[in-house]
Amino acid sequence: MKTFSTVFLLLVILVISLNAQDIPLSAARVAKLEETVRKSPKDLTSRTQLIRHYEEGKSAAEKAALQRHRLAYISNNPDEETWAFPLTGNWTVDDIKNPDYIALKNEWLKQLAVKRSNRTVRLNGFYFFYYPEPGLAEKIIKDGQNDDPDEVYFSEVLINSYNQEYQVLEVMPSDENEEEAFAVNKNLVMRKLLAEAKKALSIIDKRSAARDDDVTVRKRLLAEIARAYFKLDENNNAKMTAQLLLAAVGEPEAIVDFPGQNDVRYFQIGMSIVGRVALADGNIASAGQYLLNSVRSLNKNAIYSISVDNEFLEELLVAVGRKMVLEYLALFKPLEFFSDEEKLVISKWQNGLSKGAFPKFDEIPSRLF
C-alpha cells in the first residue's frame, strides 16, 4: 500500500513527464489514438496524449473533444494511483460556475458515490477539488474518516494539506493592515492540524492490535503535535510532547539513518523544541546544550536527515552570543549530507560571527519546521 507521500511523489513525477510531451500529433496519429481509447477506454497513456493534444486546440470542436476526454478520464481511471489532476484542468475558485468544471465535478461526485470505499478514488477526488473547492476537498477526506474511523490514513492526508496551507500563509506577502488577519488564519490552520494529529494518535493508541506501521506513524504524529503546540505558543504542551517524541525515537547514538528514514529528523525536532522552550523560559545554558546535543549526540553515521535549525540559531545568538553558535556550526562541517555550496555558506556564517557580524541564517532552508 502506497503512503500519501509516495502517491504525491508519483503524481509529481507523472506531471513533469506529461509536461515534457511537446511534440504535436499528426491527424493520423490522433485518429489512431481515438480508435484505441474507443476500444480500450481505460488506456491511460493514449487518453493522456489526446488530452494534451486537444489542450492546444482553439476550435469549438477541439474544446468539446477535450472535455469529452476529461470526463472519460475521470469515469474510466478514477482509481489510477498516479492520477494527474492537471489532465482534467487546472481549475481555481474562479471556475466553480464554469459549465465544463461543473460537468467534471458531477462526474467526480458520481465516482466517489459509486466507489465510496476506494481510498485511491477518494484521494484523487481530493486532489481535483483542492484548489477550486477546498471545503469540498476536506469533506471528501472527512467522509472517508467517517466510513473507516479506525484508519489514520485520511488524517495524514489532512495533516499534509494543513501543513501546505500554513506554509503558503507564512510566505504570502501582506501589509500591516493584513498581518493580524494572517496571524488569525495561521492559528486556525494550525489548530485544525493539531486536532487532526491528536485524533489520529488517539486511534493508534487505542487499537487492540498494533499494525506494522503504527510505530512509524506514531512518531510522525508526535512530531506534528509538538510542532503545532510550539507554533501556537503552548510551550508546556510542546515540551511534554517533544519529550514523548524523544522517548519514542530512542537513544540517539543507536539511530540508524538512511535516506527516507526520519528518526534523525524527529530527534532534532524534539531536541529543538525542548531547547527553544528552555530558551523562552530563560534557561539559556540548557537551551544551548539541547541545540548542541541535537547534532553532537547522534550516531556518527546519522548524516542524511540532519538539519540546521535556523530560527533557534537566531534566538540563541541574541541570547548568548557567538561562542555556542560557532560550536554548533562546527558540528556540521564534516557531514556529507551538506552540499559543497551549503558548507561554503556555513563557513561564511562562521567568518561573519568571528568578525562580530549577526548573519541571517536563512541561506540554508531548515528541514525541521
Protein backbone atom coordinates (compact mmCIF):
# COMPACT_ATOMS: atom_id res chain seq x y z
CA MET A 1 0.00 0.00 0.00
CA LYS A 2 1.41 3.36 -1.00
CA THR A 3 1.58 6.15 1.58
CA PHE A 4 0.23 9.63 0.92
CA SER A 5 3.79 10.95 0.41
CA THR A 6 4.60 8.20 -2.10
CA VAL A 7 1.44 8.85 -4.08
CA PHE A 8 2.18 12.57 -4.09
CA LEU A 9 5.73 11.90 -5.38
CA LEU A 10 4.40 9.67 -8.15
CA LEU A 11 1.94 12.38 -9.04
CA VAL A 12 4.70 14.99 -9.33
CA ILE A 13 6.82 12.69 -11.49
CA LEU A 14 3.90 11.99 -13.80
CA VAL A 15 3.02 15.68 -14.14
CA ILE A 16 6.61 16.50 -15.06
CA SER A 17 6.70 13.75 -17.67
CA LEU A 18 3.38 14.87 -19.12
CA ASN A 19 4.58 18.45 -19.42
CA ALA A 20 7.51 17.16 -21.46
CA GLN A 21 5.20 15.86 -24.21
CA ASP A 22 5.50 18.83 -26.59
CA ILE A 23 5.66 17.01 -29.94
CA PRO A 24 2.49 17.81 -31.97
CA LEU A 25 0.41 14.83 -33.04
CA SER A 26 -0.44 14.28 -36.68
CA ALA A 27 -4.06 13.89 -37.78
CA ALA A 28 -3.40 10.22 -38.48
CA ARG A 29 -1.91 9.72 -35.03
CA VAL A 30 -4.88 11.44 -33.39
CA ALA A 31 -7.31 9.22 -35.31
CA LYS A 32 -5.39 6.11 -34.24
CA LEU A 33 -5.41 7.19 -30.59
CA GLU A 34 -9.12 7.92 -30.75
CA GLU A 35 -9.72 4.42 -32.05
CA THR A 36 -7.52 2.98 -29.30
CA VAL A 37 -9.46 4.63 -26.46
CA ARG A 38 -12.76 3.73 -28.11
CA LYS A 39 -11.79 0.05 -27.94
CA SER A 40 -9.91 0.34 -24.62
CA PRO A 41 -11.45 3.17 -22.54
CA LYS A 42 -9.03 2.58 -19.65
CA ASP A 43 -5.93 3.11 -21.83
CA LEU A 44 -4.38 5.86 -19.74
CA THR A 45 -1.40 6.53 -21.99
CA SER A 46 -3.47 7.06 -25.12
CA ARG A 47 -6.08 9.14 -23.31
CA THR A 48 -3.35 11.33 -21.84
CA GLN A 49 -1.85 12.02 -25.26
CA LEU A 50 -5.24 13.00 -26.62
CA ILE A 51 -5.94 15.35 -23.71
CA ARG A 52 -2.57 17.02 -24.18
CA HIS A 53 -3.26 17.34 -27.91
CA TYR A 54 -6.70 18.89 -27.51
CA GLU A 55 -5.48 21.27 -24.81
CA GLU A 56 -3.65 23.12 -27.60
CA GLY A 57 -6.79 23.38 -29.72
CA LYS A 58 -8.69 26.59 -30.33
CA SER A 59 -11.77 25.45 -32.21
CA ALA A 60 -15.10 24.60 -30.60
CA ALA A 61 -14.77 21.02 -31.84
CA GLU A 62 -11.34 20.63 -30.22
CA LYS A 63 -12.57 22.12 -26.94
CA ALA A 64 -15.54 19.74 -26.98
CA ALA A 65 -13.19 16.81 -27.60
CA LEU A 66 -11.01 17.91 -24.71
CA GLN A 67 -13.98 17.98 -22.34
CA ARG A 68 -15.16 14.59 -23.59
CA HIS A 69 -11.79 13.01 -22.87
CA ARG A 70 -11.50 14.68 -19.48
CA LEU A 71 -14.86 13.23 -18.50
CA ALA A 72 -13.82 9.83 -19.83
CA TYR A 73 -10.56 10.06 -17.91
CA ILE A 74 -12.46 10.51 -14.64
CA SER A 75 -15.06 7.86 -15.36
CA ASN A 76 -12.55 5.23 -16.53
CA ASN A 77 -9.49 5.98 -14.39
CA PRO A 78 -10.69 7.35 -11.04
CA ASP A 79 -8.59 4.84 -9.10
CA GLU A 80 -5.35 5.40 -11.01
CA GLU A 81 -2.63 5.65 -8.35
CA THR A 82 -0.61 8.10 -10.44
CA TRP A 83 -3.71 10.11 -11.29
CA ALA A 84 -2.73 13.58 -12.57
CA PHE A 85 -5.37 16.19 -11.83
CA PRO A 86 -3.96 18.75 -14.36
CA LEU A 87 -5.21 16.43 -17.10
CA THR A 88 -8.74 17.34 -16.05
CA GLY A 89 -7.98 21.05 -15.90
CA ASN A 90 -6.19 23.48 -13.61
CA TRP A 91 -9.38 24.81 -12.05
CA THR A 92 -9.44 27.52 -9.39
CA VAL A 93 -12.07 29.06 -7.14
CA ASP A 94 -12.95 31.41 -10.01
CA ASP A 95 -14.10 28.47 -12.14
CA ILE A 96 -16.74 26.93 -9.92
CA LYS A 97 -19.59 28.24 -12.13
CA ASN A 98 -17.91 27.18 -15.38
CA PRO A 99 -20.16 24.60 -17.12
CA ASP A 100 -17.18 22.39 -18.03
CA TYR A 101 -15.98 22.39 -14.45
CA ILE A 102 -19.47 21.61 -13.16
CA ALA A 103 -19.73 18.61 -15.51
CA LEU A 104 -16.36 17.28 -14.32
CA LYS A 105 -17.33 17.92 -10.71
CA ASN A 106 -20.55 15.95 -11.12
CA GLU A 107 -18.66 13.04 -12.68
CA TRP A 108 -16.26 13.04 -9.75
CA LEU A 109 -19.09 13.09 -7.23
CA LYS A 110 -20.67 10.17 -9.07
CA GLN A 111 -17.42 8.16 -8.92
CA LEU A 112 -16.98 8.96 -5.24
CA ALA A 113 -20.50 7.71 -4.53
CA VAL A 114 -20.11 4.52 -6.56
CA LYS A 115 -16.59 3.73 -5.25
CA ARG A 116 -17.11 5.08 -1.76
CA SER A 117 -14.81 2.57 -0.08
CA ASN A 118 -11.95 3.02 -2.58
CA ARG A 119 -9.23 5.01 -0.84
CA THR A 120 -7.41 5.98 -4.04
CA VAL A 121 -10.59 7.32 -5.67
CA ARG A 122 -11.22 9.43 -2.59
CA LEU A 123 -7.66 10.79 -2.60
CA ASN A 124 -7.87 11.61 -6.33
CA GLY A 125 -11.16 13.40 -5.77
CA PHE A 126 -9.48 15.37 -3.00
CA TYR A 127 -6.73 16.43 -5.44
CA PHE A 128 -9.26 17.55 -8.05
CA PHE A 129 -11.23 19.76 -5.66
CA TYR A 130 -8.31 21.00 -3.55
CA TYR A 131 -7.92 24.38 -5.31
CA PRO A 132 -11.38 25.20 -6.69
CA GLU A 133 -13.38 23.97 -3.67
CA PRO A 134 -11.11 23.29 -0.67
CA GLY A 135 -14.08 22.87 1.64
CA LEU A 136 -15.46 20.08 -0.54
CA ALA A 137 -11.99 18.51 -0.77
CA GLU A 138 -11.78 18.45 3.01
CA LYS A 139 -15.28 16.96 3.27
CA ILE A 140 -14.33 14.15 0.87
CA ILE A 141 -11.50 13.13 3.20
CA LYS A 142 -13.60 13.50 6.33
CA ASP A 143 -16.28 11.27 4.77
CA GLY A 144 -13.55 8.65 4.36
CA GLN A 145 -12.72 9.02 8.05
CA ASN A 146 -16.36 8.54 8.99
CA ASP A 147 -16.58 5.40 6.87
CA ASP A 148 -13.45 3.92 8.46
CA PRO A 149 -12.96 5.50 11.89
CA ASP A 150 -10.15 3.10 12.83
CA GLU A 151 -7.96 4.33 9.96
CA VAL A 152 -5.42 7.19 10.23
CA TYR A 153 -4.54 7.44 6.53
CA PHE A 154 -7.06 10.20 5.86
CA SER A 155 -5.86 12.12 8.90
CA GLU A 156 -2.39 12.09 7.40
CA VAL A 157 -3.79 13.49 4.14
CA LEU A 158 -5.43 16.35 6.04
CA ILE A 159 -2.31 17.00 8.12
CA ASN A 160 -0.23 17.32 4.95
CA SER A 161 -2.86 19.61 3.49
CA TYR A 162 -2.92 21.85 6.56
CA ASN A 163 0.89 21.99 6.59
CA GLN A 164 0.89 23.16 2.97
CA GLU A 165 -1.79 25.74 3.69
CA TYR A 166 0.18 27.03 6.68
CA GLN A 167 3.38 27.31 4.64
CA VAL A 168 1.57 29.32 1.97
CA LEU A 169 0.25 31.72 4.61
CA GLU A 170 3.75 32.12 6.08
CA VAL A 171 5.32 33.24 2.80
CA MET A 172 2.33 35.14 1.39
CA PRO A 173 3.09 38.90 1.33
CA SER A 174 0.86 41.08 3.48
CA ASP A 175 0.79 44.72 4.54
CA GLU A 176 0.44 45.96 8.10
CA ASN A 177 -3.34 46.02 7.86
CA GLU A 178 -3.43 42.32 6.96
CA GLU A 179 -0.90 40.97 9.45
CA GLU A 180 -3.45 40.37 12.21
CA ALA A 181 -5.82 38.57 9.83
CA PHE A 182 -2.97 36.41 8.54
CA ALA A 183 -1.93 35.54 12.09
CA VAL A 184 -5.52 34.51 12.90
CA ASN A 185 -5.73 32.38 9.75
CA LYS A 186 -2.41 30.68 10.51
CA ASN A 187 -3.57 29.87 14.02
CA LEU A 188 -6.84 28.44 12.71
CA VAL A 189 -5.00 26.19 10.27
CA MET A 190 -2.56 25.06 12.95
CA ARG A 191 -5.45 24.35 15.33
CA LYS A 192 -7.05 22.11 12.71
CA LEU A 193 -3.74 20.31 12.17
CA LEU A 194 -3.27 19.82 15.90
CA ALA A 195 -6.78 18.42 16.34
CA GLU A 196 -6.33 16.04 13.41
CA ALA A 197 -2.95 14.78 14.60
CA LYS A 198 -4.23 14.24 18.16
CA LYS A 199 -7.24 12.35 16.85
CA ALA A 200 -5.04 10.08 14.72
CA LEU A 201 -2.67 9.46 17.64
CA SER A 202 -5.63 8.51 19.82
CA ILE A 203 -6.78 6.00 17.20
CA ILE A 204 -3.37 4.32 17.16
CA ASP A 205 -3.03 4.25 20.94
CA LYS A 206 -6.48 2.68 21.36
CA ARG A 207 -6.03 -0.13 18.84
CA SER A 208 -6.27 -3.56 20.36
CA ALA A 209 -3.81 -4.95 17.82
CA ALA A 210 -0.92 -2.88 16.54
CA ARG A 211 -0.33 -2.55 12.80
CA ASP A 212 3.02 -2.82 11.07
CA ASP A 213 3.45 0.91 10.51
CA ASP A 214 1.97 2.12 13.81
CA VAL A 215 5.37 2.83 15.39
CA THR A 216 6.49 4.94 12.43
CA VAL A 217 3.18 6.80 12.13
CA ARG A 218 3.08 7.45 15.88
CA LYS A 219 6.47 9.18 15.79
CA ARG A 220 5.38 11.28 12.82
CA LEU A 221 2.20 12.33 14.64
CA LEU A 222 4.08 13.21 17.82
CA ALA A 223 6.40 15.42 15.75
CA GLU A 224 3.40 17.16 14.17
CA ILE A 225 1.70 17.67 17.53
CA ALA A 226 4.85 19.02 19.19
CA ARG A 227 5.47 21.48 16.35
CA ALA A 228 1.83 22.58 16.33
CA TYR A 229 1.83 23.27 20.07
CA PHE A 230 5.05 25.23 19.70
CA LYS A 231 3.73 27.34 16.83
CA LEU A 232 0.62 28.04 18.90
CA ASP A 233 2.82 29.20 21.83
CA GLU A 234 1.61 26.38 24.07
CA ASN A 235 5.11 25.75 25.32
CA ASN A 236 4.37 23.34 28.16
CA ASN A 237 2.37 21.06 25.88
CA ALA A 238 5.04 21.40 23.20
CA LYS A 239 7.76 20.38 25.66
CA MET A 240 5.82 17.38 27.02
CA THR A 241 5.01 16.13 23.51
CA ALA A 242 8.60 16.65 22.37
CA GLN A 243 9.78 14.54 25.32
CA LEU A 244 7.34 11.79 24.29
CA LEU A 245 8.75 12.02 20.77
CA LEU A 246 12.33 11.69 22.02
CA ALA A 247 11.34 8.65 24.10
CA ALA A 248 9.69 7.07 21.04
CA VAL A 249 12.77 7.66 18.88
CA GLY A 250 15.07 6.08 21.45
CA GLU A 251 18.74 6.55 22.23
CA PRO A 252 20.27 8.94 19.68
CA GLU A 253 23.55 7.06 19.35
CA ALA A 254 21.58 3.98 18.28
CA ILE A 255 19.67 5.68 15.46
CA VAL A 256 20.33 4.00 12.13
CA ASP A 257 20.00 6.61 9.41
CA PHE A 258 19.38 6.22 5.70
CA PRO A 259 17.61 8.29 3.01
CA GLY A 260 13.88 8.41 3.64
CA GLN A 261 14.18 7.41 7.31
CA ASN A 262 13.07 10.18 9.65
CA ASP A 263 14.25 9.26 13.15
CA VAL A 264 17.14 11.74 12.99
CA ARG A 265 14.75 14.48 11.96
CA TYR A 266 12.31 13.56 14.74
CA PHE A 267 15.16 13.54 17.26
CA GLN A 268 16.25 17.02 16.12
CA ILE A 269 12.67 18.31 16.24
CA GLY A 270 12.27 17.01 19.78
CA MET A 271 15.58 18.44 20.98
CA SER A 272 14.96 21.75 19.23
CA ILE A 273 11.52 22.23 20.78
CA VAL A 274 12.69 21.34 24.27
CA GLY A 275 15.63 23.71 23.79
CA ARG A 276 13.53 26.57 22.45
CA VAL A 277 11.07 26.22 25.32
CA ALA A 278 14.02 26.34 27.73
CA LEU A 279 15.24 29.50 26.00
CA ALA A 280 11.78 31.07 26.25
CA ASP A 281 11.80 30.23 29.98
CA GLY A 282 15.18 31.92 30.43
CA ASN A 283 17.20 28.70 30.80
CA ILE A 284 19.81 29.84 28.32
CA ALA A 285 22.56 27.35 29.20
CA SER A 286 20.17 24.41 28.94
CA ALA A 287 18.84 25.71 25.62
CA GLY A 288 22.35 25.83 24.18
CA GLN A 289 23.10 22.30 25.28
CA TYR A 290 19.91 21.00 23.70
CA LEU A 291 20.90 22.67 20.45
CA LEU A 292 24.39 21.17 20.53
CA ASN A 293 23.18 17.72 21.56
CA SER A 294 20.63 17.70 18.72
CA VAL A 295 23.64 17.00 16.50
CA ARG A 296 26.53 16.01 18.76
CA SER A 297 24.85 13.05 20.47
CA LEU A 298 23.76 11.35 17.26
CA ASN A 299 25.30 8.26 15.75
CA LYS A 300 28.21 9.49 13.62
CA ASN A 301 26.69 7.69 10.64
CA ALA A 302 23.39 9.54 11.04
CA ILE A 303 24.05 12.15 8.39
CA TYR A 304 21.17 12.01 5.92
CA SER A 305 18.44 13.87 7.77
CA ILE A 306 20.49 16.42 9.71
CA SER A 307 19.15 19.97 9.52
CA VAL A 308 20.27 23.40 10.65
CA ASP A 309 17.65 24.91 12.97
CA ASN A 310 17.75 28.46 11.59
CA GLU A 311 15.26 30.11 13.96
CA PHE A 312 16.78 28.55 17.06
CA LEU A 313 20.21 29.79 15.94
CA GLU A 314 18.98 33.35 15.61
CA GLU A 315 17.25 33.26 19.01
CA LEU A 316 20.30 31.75 20.71
CA LEU A 317 22.69 34.20 19.05
CA VAL A 318 20.78 37.11 20.53
CA ALA A 319 20.55 35.42 23.94
CA VAL A 320 24.07 34.06 24.49
CA GLY A 321 26.32 35.45 21.79
CA ARG A 322 28.62 33.82 19.28
CA LYS A 323 30.61 31.11 21.05
CA MET A 324 27.89 28.46 21.33
CA VAL A 325 26.56 29.20 17.84
CA LEU A 326 30.06 28.77 16.39
CA GLU A 327 30.41 25.47 18.26
CA TYR A 328 27.09 24.30 16.83
CA LEU A 329 28.01 25.24 13.25
CA ALA A 330 31.35 23.45 13.58
CA LEU A 331 29.48 20.17 14.07
CA PHE A 332 28.03 20.39 10.55
CA LYS A 333 31.17 20.97 8.50
CA PRO A 334 32.33 17.30 8.38
CA LEU A 335 28.91 15.93 7.45
CA GLU A 336 28.48 14.62 3.92
CA PHE A 337 24.76 15.40 4.00
CA PHE A 338 25.50 19.05 3.21
CA SER A 339 26.49 20.05 -0.30
CA ASP A 340 29.72 21.91 -1.02
CA GLU A 341 27.66 25.07 -1.57
CA GLU A 342 25.96 24.69 1.81
CA LYS A 343 29.30 24.10 3.53
CA LEU A 344 30.53 27.36 1.97
CA VAL A 345 27.51 29.11 3.43
CA ILE A 346 28.28 27.65 6.87
CA SER A 347 31.87 28.89 6.51
CA LYS A 348 30.55 32.34 5.62
CA TRP A 349 28.38 32.35 8.75
CA GLN A 350 31.36 31.29 10.86
CA ASN A 351 33.59 34.00 9.40
CA GLY A 352 30.90 36.62 9.90
CA LEU A 353 30.32 35.59 13.50
CA SER A 354 34.06 35.65 14.21
CA LYS A 355 34.19 39.25 12.94
CA GLY A 356 31.27 40.43 15.03
CA ALA A 357 28.51 40.19 12.42
CA PHE A 358 24.98 38.90 13.04
CA PRO A 359 24.24 36.80 9.95
CA LYS A 360 20.76 35.81 8.86
CA PHE A 361 20.61 32.03 8.96
CA ASP A 362 18.25 31.68 6.04
CA GLU A 363 20.53 30.70 3.16
CA ILE A 364 20.20 27.01 4.01
CA PRO A 365 16.49 26.16 4.34
CA SER A 366 15.57 24.46 7.60
CA ARG A 367 14.17 20.97 7.17
CA LEU A 368 12.72 20.89 10.68
CA PHE A 369 9.92 23.45 10.83
